[in-house]
PDB file of all heavy atoms in Angstrom:
ATOM      1  N   GLU A   1     145.144 122.852 154.381  1.00  0.00           N
ATOM      2  CA  GLU A   1     144.472 122.535 155.645  1.00  0.00           C
ATOM      3  C   GLU A   1     144.495 123.729 156.597  1.00  0.00           C
ATOM      4  O   GLU A   1     143.486 124.032 157.251  1.00  0.00           O
ATOM      5  CB  GLU A   1     145.151 121.341 156.313  1.00  0.00           C
ATOM      6  CG  GLU A   1     145.059 120.054 155.522  1.00  0.00           C
ATOM      7  CD  GLU A   1     146.177 119.882 154.514  1.00  0.00           C
ATOM      8  OE1 GLU A   1     146.919 120.867 154.259  1.00  0.00           O
ATOM      9  OE2 GLU A   1     146.324 118.773 153.973  1.00  0.00           O
ATOM     10  N   ALA A   2     145.637 124.421 156.657  1.00  0.00           N
ATOM     11  CA  ALA A   2     145.736 125.577 157.539  1.00  0.00           C
ATOM     12  C   ALA A   2     144.847 126.713 157.066  1.00  0.00           C
ATOM     13  O   ALA A   2     144.232 127.427 157.870  1.00  0.00           O
ATOM     14  CB  ALA A   2     147.193 126.054 157.621  1.00  0.00           C
ATOM     15  N   ALA A   3     144.759 126.874 155.755  1.00  0.00           N
ATOM     16  CA  ALA A   3     143.920 127.940 155.204  1.00  0.00           C
ATOM     17  C   ALA A   3     142.457 127.712 155.539  1.00  0.00           C
ATOM     18  O   ALA A   3     141.758 128.627 156.000  1.00  0.00           O
ATOM     19  CB  ALA A   3     144.109 128.022 153.690  1.00  0.00           C
ATOM     20  N   VAL A   4     141.964 126.494 155.315  1.00  0.00           N
ATOM     21  CA  VAL A   4     140.549 126.235 155.558  1.00  0.00           C
ATOM     22  C   VAL A   4     140.234 126.254 157.047  1.00  0.00           C
ATOM     23  O   VAL A   4     139.150 126.689 157.468  1.00  0.00           O
ATOM     24  CB  VAL A   4     140.102 124.917 154.897  1.00  0.00           C
ATOM     25  CG1 VAL A   4     140.568 123.696 155.660  1.00  0.00           C
ATOM     26  CG2 VAL A   4     138.591 124.884 154.721  1.00  0.00           C
ATOM     27  N   GLN A   5     141.154 125.815 157.873  1.00  0.00           N
ATOM     28  CA  GLN A   5     140.914 125.840 159.317  1.00  0.00           C
ATOM     29  C   GLN A   5     140.861 127.269 159.846  1.00  0.00           C
ATOM     30  O   GLN A   5     140.017 127.608 160.679  1.00  0.00           O
ATOM     31  CB  GLN A   5     141.986 125.031 160.029  1.00  0.00           C
ATOM     32  CG  GLN A   5     141.830 123.524 159.840  1.00  0.00           C
ATOM     33  CD  GLN A   5     143.069 122.736 160.205  1.00  0.00           C
ATOM     34  OE1 GLN A   5     144.062 123.295 160.672  1.00  0.00           O
ATOM     35  NE2 GLN A   5     143.019 121.433 159.983  1.00  0.00           N
ATOM     36  N   ALA A   6     141.769 128.126 159.351  1.00  0.00           N
ATOM     37  CA  ALA A   6     141.757 129.527 159.782  1.00  0.00           C
ATOM     38  C   ALA A   6     140.487 130.219 159.334  1.00  0.00           C
ATOM     39  O   ALA A   6     139.840 130.943 160.110  1.00  0.00           O
ATOM     40  CB  ALA A   6     142.980 130.251 159.232  1.00  0.00           C
ATOM     41  N   THR A   7     140.109 130.005 158.091  1.00  0.00           N
ATOM     42  CA  THR A   7     138.922 130.691 157.582  1.00  0.00           C
ATOM     43  C   THR A   7     137.638 130.152 158.216  1.00  0.00           C
ATOM     44  O   THR A   7     136.638 130.872 158.280  1.00  0.00           O
ATOM     45  CB  THR A   7     138.855 130.580 156.052  1.00  0.00           C
ATOM     46  OG1 THR A   7     138.958 129.203 155.654  1.00  0.00           O
ATOM     47  CG2 THR A   7     140.001 131.344 155.406  1.00  0.00           C
ATOM     48  N   ARG A   8     137.670 128.912 158.683  1.00  0.00           N
ATOM     49  CA  ARG A   8     136.511 128.394 159.421  1.00  0.00           C
ATOM     50  C   ARG A   8     136.329 129.180 160.720  1.00  0.00           C
ATOM     51  O   ARG A   8     135.201 129.511 161.097  1.00  0.00           O
ATOM     52  CB  ARG A   8     136.704 126.906 159.720  1.00  0.00           C
ATOM     53  CG  ARG A   8     135.548 126.284 160.516  1.00  0.00           C
ATOM     54  CD  ARG A   8     135.705 124.769 160.593  1.00  0.00           C
ATOM     55  NE  ARG A   8     137.001 124.397 161.135  1.00  0.00           N
ATOM     56  CZ  ARG A   8     137.531 123.178 161.044  1.00  0.00           C
ATOM     57  NH1 ARG A   8     136.895 122.218 160.400  1.00  0.00           N
ATOM     58  NH2 ARG A   8     138.712 122.922 161.572  1.00  0.00           N
ATOM     59  N   GLN A   9     137.431 129.511 161.360  1.00  0.00           N
ATOM     60  CA  GLN A   9     137.359 130.314 162.585  1.00  0.00           C
ATOM     61  C   GLN A   9     136.810 131.707 162.286  1.00  0.00           C
ATOM     62  O   GLN A   9     136.143 132.311 163.126  1.00  0.00           O
ATOM     63  CB  GLN A   9     138.735 130.418 163.224  1.00  0.00           C
ATOM     64  CG  GLN A   9     139.292 129.096 163.737  1.00  0.00           C
ATOM     65  CD  GLN A   9     140.713 129.225 164.250  1.00  0.00           C
ATOM     66  OE1 GLN A   9     141.338 130.271 164.121  1.00  0.00           O
ATOM     67  NE2 GLN A   9     141.233 128.157 164.825  1.00  0.00           N
ATOM     68  N   TRP A  10     137.082 132.206 161.087  1.00  0.00           N
ATOM     69  CA  TRP A  10     136.595 133.538 160.713  1.00  0.00           C
ATOM     70  C   TRP A  10     135.155 133.496 160.222  1.00  0.00           C
ATOM     71  O   TRP A  10     134.585 134.548 159.910  1.00  0.00           O
ATOM     72  CB  TRP A  10     137.496 134.136 159.616  1.00  0.00           C
ATOM     73  CG  TRP A  10     138.937 134.236 160.003  1.00  0.00           C
ATOM     74  CD1 TRP A  10     139.446 134.314 161.277  1.00  0.00           C
ATOM     75  CD2 TRP A  10     140.064 134.250 159.124  1.00  0.00           C
ATOM     76  NE1 TRP A  10     140.816 134.371 161.238  1.00  0.00           N
ATOM     77  CE2 TRP A  10     141.236 134.342 159.938  1.00  0.00           C
ATOM     78  CE3 TRP A  10     140.215 134.193 157.740  1.00  0.00           C
ATOM     79  CZ2 TRP A  10     142.523 134.384 159.401  1.00  0.00           C
ATOM     80  CZ3 TRP A  10     141.491 134.229 157.200  1.00  0.00           C
ATOM     81  CH2 TRP A  10     142.631 134.325 158.028  1.00  0.00           C
ATOM     82  N   GLN A  11     134.580 132.323 160.129  1.00  0.00           N
ATOM     83  CA  GLN A  11     133.177 132.138 159.737  1.00  0.00           C
ATOM     84  C   GLN A  11     132.869 132.801 158.391  1.00  0.00           C
ATOM     85  O   GLN A  11     131.940 133.585 158.251  1.00  0.00           O
ATOM     86  CB  GLN A  11     132.249 132.672 160.835  1.00  0.00           C
ATOM     87  CG  GLN A  11     132.420 131.945 162.169  1.00  0.00           C
ATOM     88  CD  GLN A  11     131.472 132.449 163.231  1.00  0.00           C
ATOM     89  OE1 GLN A  11     131.130 133.636 163.280  1.00  0.00           O
ATOM     90  NE2 GLN A  11     131.027 131.556 164.095  1.00  0.00           N
ATOM     91  N   LEU A  12     133.648 132.394 157.401  1.00  0.00           N
ATOM     92  CA  LEU A  12     133.455 132.908 156.052  1.00  0.00           C
ATOM     93  C   LEU A  12     132.282 132.229 155.365  1.00  0.00           C
ATOM     94  O   LEU A  12     131.871 131.138 155.729  1.00  0.00           O
ATOM     95  CB  LEU A  12     134.720 132.692 155.224  1.00  0.00           C
ATOM     96  CG  LEU A  12     135.989 133.380 155.720  1.00  0.00           C
ATOM     97  CD1 LEU A  12     137.138 133.055 154.781  1.00  0.00           C
ATOM     98  CD2 LEU A  12     135.792 134.888 155.810  1.00  0.00           C
ATOM     99  N   THR A  13     131.787 132.872 154.335  1.00  0.00           N
ATOM    100  CA  THR A  13     130.721 132.292 153.522  1.00  0.00           C
ATOM    101  C   THR A  13     131.256 131.127 152.702  1.00  0.00           C
ATOM    102  O   THR A  13     130.602 130.086 152.568  1.00  0.00           O
ATOM    103  CB  THR A  13     130.129 133.356 152.587  1.00  0.00           C
ATOM    104  OG1 THR A  13     129.682 134.472 153.374  1.00  0.00           O
ATOM    105  CG2 THR A  13     128.975 132.793 151.785  1.00  0.00           C
ATOM    106  N   ALA A  14     132.443 131.298 152.122  1.00  0.00           N
ATOM    107  CA  ALA A  14     133.060 130.253 151.301  1.00  0.00           C
ATOM    108  C   ALA A  14     134.558 130.479 151.269  1.00  0.00           C
ATOM    109  O   ALA A  14     135.050 131.592 151.491  1.00  0.00           O
ATOM    110  CB  ALA A  14     132.491 130.264 149.886  1.00  0.00           C
ATOM    111  N   VAL A  15     135.300 129.413 150.976  1.00  0.00           N
ATOM    112  CA  VAL A  15     136.759 129.467 150.919  1.00  0.00           C
ATOM    113  C   VAL A  15     137.220 128.556 149.801  1.00  0.00           C
ATOM    114  O   VAL A  15     136.517 127.607 149.436  1.00  0.00           O
ATOM    115  CB  VAL A  15     137.381 129.031 152.270  1.00  0.00           C
ATOM    116  CG1 VAL A  15     137.017 127.587 152.603  1.00  0.00           C
ATOM    117  CG2 VAL A  15     138.895 129.206 152.270  1.00  0.00           C
ATOM    118  N   GLY A  16     138.385 128.834 149.233  1.00  0.00           N
ATOM    119  CA  GLY A  16     138.827 127.958 148.163  1.00  0.00           C
ATOM    120  C   GLY A  16     140.185 128.307 147.619  1.00  0.00           C
ATOM    121  O   GLY A  16     141.023 128.913 148.303  1.00  0.00           O
ATOM    122  N   ALA A  17     140.404 127.900 146.360  1.00  0.00           N
ATOM    123  CA  ALA A  17     141.691 128.062 145.698  1.00  0.00           C
ATOM    124  C   ALA A  17     141.492 128.721 144.341  1.00  0.00           C
ATOM    125  O   ALA A  17     140.573 128.363 143.599  1.00  0.00           O
ATOM    126  CB  ALA A  17     142.367 126.697 145.523  1.00  0.00           C
ATOM    127  N   ASN A  18     142.348 129.675 144.032  1.00  0.00           N
ATOM    128  CA  ASN A  18     142.317 130.298 142.714  1.00  0.00           C
ATOM    129  C   ASN A  18     143.748 130.456 142.216  1.00  0.00           C
ATOM    130  O   ASN A  18     144.705 130.277 142.963  1.00  0.00           O
ATOM    131  CB  ASN A  18     141.609 131.656 142.737  1.00  0.00           C
ATOM    132  CG  ASN A  18     142.494 132.777 143.240  1.00  0.00           C
ATOM    133  OD1 ASN A  18     142.843 132.803 144.421  1.00  0.00           O
ATOM    134  ND2 ASN A  18     142.855 133.708 142.380  1.00  0.00           N
ATOM    135  N   CYS A  19     143.878 130.776 140.940  1.00  0.00           N
ATOM    136  CA  CYS A  19     145.175 130.978 140.307  1.00  0.00           C
ATOM    137  C   CYS A  19     145.973 129.674 140.434  1.00  0.00           C
ATOM    138  O   CYS A  19     145.526 128.641 139.965  1.00  0.00           O
ATOM    139  CB  CYS A  19     145.889 132.168 140.937  1.00  0.00           C
ATOM    140  SG  CYS A  19     147.121 132.948 139.865  1.00  0.00           S
ATOM    141  N   GLY A  20     147.140 129.664 141.055  1.00  0.00           N
ATOM    142  CA  GLY A  20     147.896 128.441 141.285  1.00  0.00           C
ATOM    143  C   GLY A  20     148.797 128.067 140.124  1.00  0.00           C
ATOM    144  O   GLY A  20     148.641 128.542 138.998  1.00  0.00           O
ATOM    145  N   ALA A  21     149.755 127.178 140.414  1.00  0.00           N
ATOM    146  CA  ALA A  21     150.750 126.804 139.411  1.00  0.00           C
ATOM    147  C   ALA A  21     150.176 125.892 138.340  1.00  0.00           C
ATOM    148  O   ALA A  21     150.441 126.073 137.157  1.00  0.00           O
ATOM    149  CB  ALA A  21     151.942 126.143 140.097  1.00  0.00           C
ATOM    150  N   THR A  22     149.417 124.880 138.740  1.00  0.00           N
ATOM    151  CA  THR A  22     148.865 123.926 137.779  1.00  0.00           C
ATOM    152  C   THR A  22     147.447 123.563 138.182  1.00  0.00           C
ATOM    153  O   THR A  22     147.044 123.728 139.331  1.00  0.00           O
ATOM    154  CB  THR A  22     149.704 122.630 137.735  1.00  0.00           C
ATOM    155  OG1 THR A  22     149.584 121.947 138.989  1.00  0.00           O
ATOM    156  CG2 THR A  22     151.171 122.922 137.442  1.00  0.00           C
ATOM    157  N   LEU A  23     146.713 123.009 137.237  1.00  0.00           N
ATOM    158  CA  LEU A  23     145.371 122.524 137.541  1.00  0.00           C
ATOM    159  C   LEU A  23     145.431 121.420 138.592  1.00  0.00           C
ATOM    160  O   LEU A  23     144.585 121.359 139.496  1.00  0.00           O
ATOM    161  CB  LEU A  23     144.705 121.992 136.275  1.00  0.00           C
ATOM    162  CG  LEU A  23     144.272 123.019 135.231  1.00  0.00           C
ATOM    163  CD1 LEU A  23     143.815 122.319 133.967  1.00  0.00           C
ATOM    164  CD2 LEU A  23     143.173 123.915 135.784  1.00  0.00           C
ATOM    165  N   GLU A  24     146.420 120.551 138.474  1.00  0.00           N
ATOM    166  CA  GLU A  24     146.544 119.441 139.410  1.00  0.00           C
ATOM    167  C   GLU A  24     146.812 119.935 140.822  1.00  0.00           C
ATOM    168  O   GLU A  24     146.268 119.383 141.793  1.00  0.00           O
ATOM    169  CB  GLU A  24     147.661 118.501 138.948  1.00  0.00           C
ATOM    170  CG  GLU A  24     147.380 117.759 137.659  1.00  0.00           C
ATOM    171  CD  GLU A  24     147.513 118.630 136.408  1.00  0.00           C
ATOM    172  OE1 GLU A  24     148.128 119.717 136.493  1.00  0.00           O
ATOM    173  OE2 GLU A  24     146.992 118.223 135.355  1.00  0.00           O
ATOM    174  N   MET A  25     147.633 120.966 140.956  1.00  0.00           N
ATOM    175  CA  MET A  25     147.935 121.493 142.283  1.00  0.00           C
ATOM    176  C   MET A  25     146.701 122.143 142.902  1.00  0.00           C
ATOM    177  O   MET A  25     146.433 121.994 144.095  1.00  0.00           O
ATOM    178  CB  MET A  25     149.087 122.488 142.203  1.00  0.00           C
ATOM    179  CG  MET A  25     149.712 122.830 143.539  1.00  0.00           C
ATOM    180  SD  MET A  25     151.228 123.809 143.367  1.00  0.00           S
ATOM    181  CE  MET A  25     152.321 122.589 142.618  1.00  0.00           C
ATOM    182  N   THR A  26     145.938 122.870 142.093  1.00  0.00           N
ATOM    183  CA  THR A  26     144.718 123.484 142.605  1.00  0.00           C
ATOM    184  C   THR A  26     143.703 122.416 142.999  1.00  0.00           C
ATOM    185  O   THR A  26     143.057 122.521 144.056  1.00  0.00           O
ATOM    186  CB  THR A  26     144.112 124.419 141.542  1.00  0.00           C
ATOM    187  OG1 THR A  26     145.051 125.455 141.235  1.00  0.00           O
ATOM    188  CG2 THR A  26     142.817 125.046 142.049  1.00  0.00           C
ATOM    189  N   GLU A  27     143.587 121.378 142.188  1.00  0.00           N
ATOM    190  CA  GLU A  27     142.657 120.298 142.507  1.00  0.00           C
ATOM    191  C   GLU A  27     143.057 119.598 143.808  1.00  0.00           C
ATOM    192  O   GLU A  27     142.194 119.291 144.644  1.00  0.00           O
ATOM    193  CB  GLU A  27     142.616 119.297 141.365  1.00  0.00           C
ATOM    194  CG  GLU A  27     141.616 118.168 141.572  1.00  0.00           C
ATOM    195  CD  GLU A  27     141.556 117.228 140.385  1.00  0.00           C
ATOM    196  OE1 GLU A  27     142.092 117.563 139.307  1.00  0.00           O
ATOM    197  OE2 GLU A  27     140.962 116.137 140.534  1.00  0.00           O
ATOM    198  N   GLU A  28     144.345 119.344 143.983  1.00  0.00           N
ATOM    199  CA  GLU A  28     144.801 118.686 145.205  1.00  0.00           C
ATOM    200  C   GLU A  28     144.570 119.574 146.422  1.00  0.00           C
ATOM    201  O   GLU A  28     144.207 119.088 147.499  1.00  0.00           O
ATOM    202  CB  GLU A  28     146.287 118.337 145.086  1.00  0.00           C
ATOM    203  CG  GLU A  28     146.886 117.670 146.316  1.00  0.00           C
ATOM    204  CD  GLU A  28     146.221 116.353 146.678  1.00  0.00           C
ATOM    205  OE1 GLU A  28     145.557 115.738 145.818  1.00  0.00           O
ATOM    206  OE2 GLU A  28     146.369 115.924 147.842  1.00  0.00           O
ATOM    207  N   ALA A  29     144.777 120.882 146.268  1.00  0.00           N
ATOM    208  CA  ALA A  29     144.518 121.803 147.377  1.00  0.00           C
ATOM    209  C   ALA A  29     143.050 121.742 147.786  1.00  0.00           C
ATOM    210  O   ALA A  29     142.724 121.729 148.984  1.00  0.00           O
ATOM    211  CB  ALA A  29     144.914 123.222 146.980  1.00  0.00           C
ATOM    212  N   LEU A  30     142.161 121.700 146.818  1.00  0.00           N
ATOM    213  CA  LEU A  30     140.731 121.618 147.112  1.00  0.00           C
ATOM    214  C   LEU A  30     140.395 120.291 147.792  1.00  0.00           C
ATOM    215  O   LEU A  30     139.576 120.246 148.719  1.00  0.00           O
ATOM    216  CB  LEU A  30     139.923 121.776 145.832  1.00  0.00           C
ATOM    217  CG  LEU A  30     139.963 123.173 145.202  1.00  0.00           C
ATOM    218  CD1 LEU A  30     139.506 123.119 143.759  1.00  0.00           C
ATOM    219  CD2 LEU A  30     139.112 124.147 146.009  1.00  0.00           C
ATOM    220  N   ARG A  31     141.028 119.214 147.358  1.00  0.00           N
ATOM    221  CA  ARG A  31     140.792 117.909 147.979  1.00  0.00           C
ATOM    222  C   ARG A  31     141.202 117.937 149.463  1.00  0.00           C
ATOM    223  O   ARG A  31     140.487 117.437 150.333  1.00  0.00           O
ATOM    224  CB  ARG A  31     141.566 116.835 147.228  1.00  0.00           C
ATOM    225  CG  ARG A  31     141.250 115.404 147.690  1.00  0.00           C
ATOM    226  CD  ARG A  31     142.078 114.398 146.897  1.00  0.00           C
ATOM    227  NE  ARG A  31     141.938 114.595 145.466  1.00  0.00           N
ATOM    228  CZ  ARG A  31     140.905 114.159 144.756  1.00  0.00           C
ATOM    229  NH1 ARG A  31     139.916 113.487 145.353  1.00  0.00           N
ATOM    230  NH2 ARG A  31     140.835 114.382 143.449  1.00  0.00           N
ATOM    231  N   ARG A  32     142.356 118.550 149.711  1.00  0.00           N
ATOM    232  CA  ARG A  32     142.841 118.618 151.095  1.00  0.00           C
ATOM    233  C   ARG A  32     141.980 119.553 151.945  1.00  0.00           C
ATOM    234  O   ARG A  32     141.771 119.322 153.128  1.00  0.00           O
ATOM    235  CB  ARG A  32     144.303 119.044 151.097  1.00  0.00           C
ATOM    236  CG  ARG A  32     145.229 117.958 150.546  1.00  0.00           C
ATOM    237  CD  ARG A  32     146.596 118.470 150.161  1.00  0.00           C
ATOM    238  NE  ARG A  32     147.321 119.045 151.284  1.00  0.00           N
ATOM    239  CZ  ARG A  32     148.535 119.584 151.168  1.00  0.00           C
ATOM    240  NH1 ARG A  32     149.145 119.615 149.990  1.00  0.00           N
ATOM    241  NH2 ARG A  32     149.137 120.092 152.232  1.00  0.00           N
ATOM    242  N   MET A  33     141.467 120.623 151.335  1.00  0.00           N
ATOM    243  CA  MET A  33     140.532 121.490 152.053  1.00  0.00           C
ATOM    244  C   MET A  33     139.265 120.723 152.425  1.00  0.00           C
ATOM    245  O   MET A  33     138.760 120.840 153.547  1.00  0.00           O
ATOM    246  CB  MET A  33     140.172 122.708 151.190  1.00  0.00           C
ATOM    247  CG  MET A  33     141.230 123.772 151.103  1.00  0.00           C
ATOM    248  SD  MET A  33     140.652 125.193 150.131  1.00  0.00           S
ATOM    249  CE  MET A  33     141.855 126.435 150.621  1.00  0.00           C
ATOM    250  N   ARG A  34     138.750 119.951 151.476  1.00  0.00           N
ATOM    251  CA  ARG A  34     137.541 119.178 151.739  1.00  0.00           C
ATOM    252  C   ARG A  34     137.769 118.173 152.863  1.00  0.00           C
ATOM    253  O   ARG A  34     136.923 118.005 153.746  1.00  0.00           O
ATOM    254  CB  ARG A  34     137.107 118.448 150.457  1.00  0.00           C
ATOM    255  CG  ARG A  34     135.986 117.439 150.630  1.00  0.00           C
ATOM    256  CD  ARG A  34     134.725 118.081 151.213  1.00  0.00           C
ATOM    257  NE  ARG A  34     134.109 118.996 150.284  1.00  0.00           N
ATOM    258  CZ  ARG A  34     133.590 120.185 150.633  1.00  0.00           C
ATOM    259  NH1 ARG A  34     133.615 120.593 151.891  1.00  0.00           N
ATOM    260  NH2 ARG A  34     133.025 120.970 149.734  1.00  0.00           N
ATOM    261  N   GLU A  35     138.921 117.513 152.878  1.00  0.00           N
ATOM    262  CA  GLU A  35     139.216 116.547 153.937  1.00  0.00           C
ATOM    263  C   GLU A  35     139.351 117.237 155.290  1.00  0.00           C
ATOM    264  O   GLU A  35     138.937 116.695 156.322  1.00  0.00           O
ATOM    265  CB  GLU A  35     140.499 115.795 153.602  1.00  0.00           C
ATOM    266  CG  GLU A  35     140.352 114.851 152.408  1.00  0.00           C
ATOM    267  CD  GLU A  35     141.672 114.270 151.948  1.00  0.00           C
ATOM    268  OE1 GLU A  35     142.730 114.705 152.477  1.00  0.00           O
ATOM    269  OE2 GLU A  35     141.666 113.400 151.062  1.00  0.00           O
ATOM    270  N   ALA A  36     139.913 118.454 155.298  1.00  0.00           N
ATOM    271  CA  ALA A  36     140.099 119.184 156.552  1.00  0.00           C
ATOM    272  C   ALA A  36     138.796 119.755 157.080  1.00  0.00           C
ATOM    273  O   ALA A  36     138.634 119.924 158.299  1.00  0.00           O
ATOM    274  CB  ALA A  36     141.121 120.305 156.359  1.00  0.00           C
ATOM    275  N   ASP A  37     137.859 120.083 156.181  1.00  0.00           N
ATOM    276  CA  ASP A  37     136.579 120.651 156.599  1.00  0.00           C
ATOM    277  C   ASP A  37     135.486 120.171 155.640  1.00  0.00           C
ATOM    278  O   ASP A  37     135.206 120.806 154.623  1.00  0.00           O
ATOM    279  CB  ASP A  37     136.640 122.181 156.613  1.00  0.00           C
ATOM    280  CG  ASP A  37     135.378 122.805 157.203  1.00  0.00           C
ATOM    281  OD1 ASP A  37     134.406 122.054 157.458  1.00  0.00           O
ATOM    282  OD2 ASP A  37     135.363 124.025 157.417  1.00  0.00           O
ATOM    283  N   PRO A  38     134.853 119.048 155.947  1.00  0.00           N
ATOM    284  CA  PRO A  38     133.825 118.481 155.056  1.00  0.00           C
ATOM    285  C   PRO A  38     132.629 119.397 154.840  1.00  0.00           C
ATOM    286  O   PRO A  38     131.867 119.190 153.888  1.00  0.00           O
ATOM    287  CB  PRO A  38     133.412 117.190 155.774  1.00  0.00           C
ATOM    288  CG  PRO A  38     134.573 116.841 156.648  1.00  0.00           C
ATOM    289  CD  PRO A  38     135.127 118.159 157.089  1.00  0.00           C
ATOM    290  N   GLU A  39     132.440 120.395 155.706  1.00  0.00           N
ATOM    291  CA  GLU A  39     131.264 121.260 155.606  1.00  0.00           C
ATOM    292  C   GLU A  39     131.528 122.563 154.865  1.00  0.00           C
ATOM    293  O   GLU A  39     130.593 123.317 154.586  1.00  0.00           O
ATOM    294  CB  GLU A  39     130.745 121.585 157.016  1.00  0.00           C
ATOM    295  CG  GLU A  39     130.386 120.360 157.849  1.00  0.00           C
ATOM    296  CD  GLU A  39     129.330 119.513 157.181  1.00  0.00           C
ATOM    297  OE1 GLU A  39     128.372 120.085 156.622  1.00  0.00           O
ATOM    298  OE2 GLU A  39     129.467 118.281 157.194  1.00  0.00           O
ATOM    299  N   ALA A  40     132.774 122.842 154.531  1.00  0.00           N
ATOM    300  CA  ALA A  40     133.105 124.124 153.905  1.00  0.00           C
ATOM    301  C   ALA A  40     132.486 124.248 152.520  1.00  0.00           C
ATOM    302  O   ALA A  40     132.441 123.283 151.752  1.00  0.00           O
ATOM    303  CB  ALA A  40     134.618 124.285 153.812  1.00  0.00           C
ATOM    304  N   ALA A  41     132.001 125.442 152.200  1.00  0.00           N
ATOM    305  CA  ALA A  41     131.576 125.756 150.836  1.00  0.00           C
ATOM    306  C   ALA A  41     132.828 126.131 150.054  1.00  0.00           C
ATOM    307  O   ALA A  41     133.471 127.144 150.330  1.00  0.00           O
ATOM    308  CB  ALA A  41     130.590 126.912 150.837  1.00  0.00           C
ATOM    309  N   LEU A  42     133.216 125.292 149.087  1.00  0.00           N
ATOM    310  CA  LEU A  42     134.483 125.469 148.394  1.00  0.00           C
ATOM    311  C   LEU A  42     134.322 126.224 147.074  1.00  0.00           C
ATOM    312  O   LEU A  42     133.314 126.096 146.384  1.00  0.00           O
ATOM    313  CB  LEU A  42     135.129 124.112 148.116  1.00  0.00           C
ATOM    314  CG  LEU A  42     135.589 123.313 149.336  1.00  0.00           C
ATOM    315  CD1 LEU A  42     136.267 122.018 148.900  1.00  0.00           C
ATOM    316  CD2 LEU A  42     136.526 124.134 150.212  1.00  0.00           C
ATOM    317  N   VAL A  43     135.378 126.970 146.752  1.00  0.00           N
ATOM    318  CA  VAL A  43     135.441 127.760 145.527  1.00  0.00           C
ATOM    319  C   VAL A  43     136.661 127.309 144.721  1.00  0.00           C
ATOM    320  O   VAL A  43     137.750 127.143 145.282  1.00  0.00           O
ATOM    321  CB  VAL A  43     135.568 129.258 145.837  1.00  0.00           C
ATOM    322  CG1 VAL A  43     135.657 130.079 144.553  1.00  0.00           C
ATOM    323  CG2 VAL A  43     134.415 129.727 146.703  1.00  0.00           C
ATOM    324  N   ALA A  44     136.489 127.116 143.416  1.00  0.00           N
ATOM    325  CA  ALA A  44     137.594 126.752 142.529  1.00  0.00           C
ATOM    326  C   ALA A  44     137.638 127.725 141.360  1.00  0.00           C
ATOM    327  O   ALA A  44     136.678 127.828 140.593  1.00  0.00           O
ATOM    328  CB  ALA A  44     137.425 125.324 142.013  1.00  0.00           C
ATOM    329  N   LYS A  45     138.763 128.415 141.218  1.00  0.00           N
ATOM    330  CA  LYS A  45     138.927 129.364 140.102  1.00  0.00           C
ATOM    331  C   LYS A  45     140.377 129.279 139.611  1.00  0.00           C
ATOM    332  O   LYS A  45     141.201 130.155 139.871  1.00  0.00           O
ATOM    333  CB  LYS A  45     138.584 130.785 140.576  1.00  0.00           C
ATOM    334  CG  LYS A  45     137.792 131.615 139.556  1.00  0.00           C
ATOM    335  CD  LYS A  45     137.261 132.877 140.191  1.00  0.00           C
ATOM    336  CE  LYS A  45     136.388 133.666 139.218  1.00  0.00           C
ATOM    337  NZ  LYS A  45     137.135 134.393 138.188  1.00  0.00           N
TER     338      LYS A  45
END
């Protein structure tokens, strides 16, 4: 949530999650980003 909120202030083209410990953790991070900013263009890698 803090990551997506900060990057929204920076007016980025897209924001997201890459690498990470597990697929489940990356998926949950993306879910929480989406809830924090429904308009963000999300990236998953």
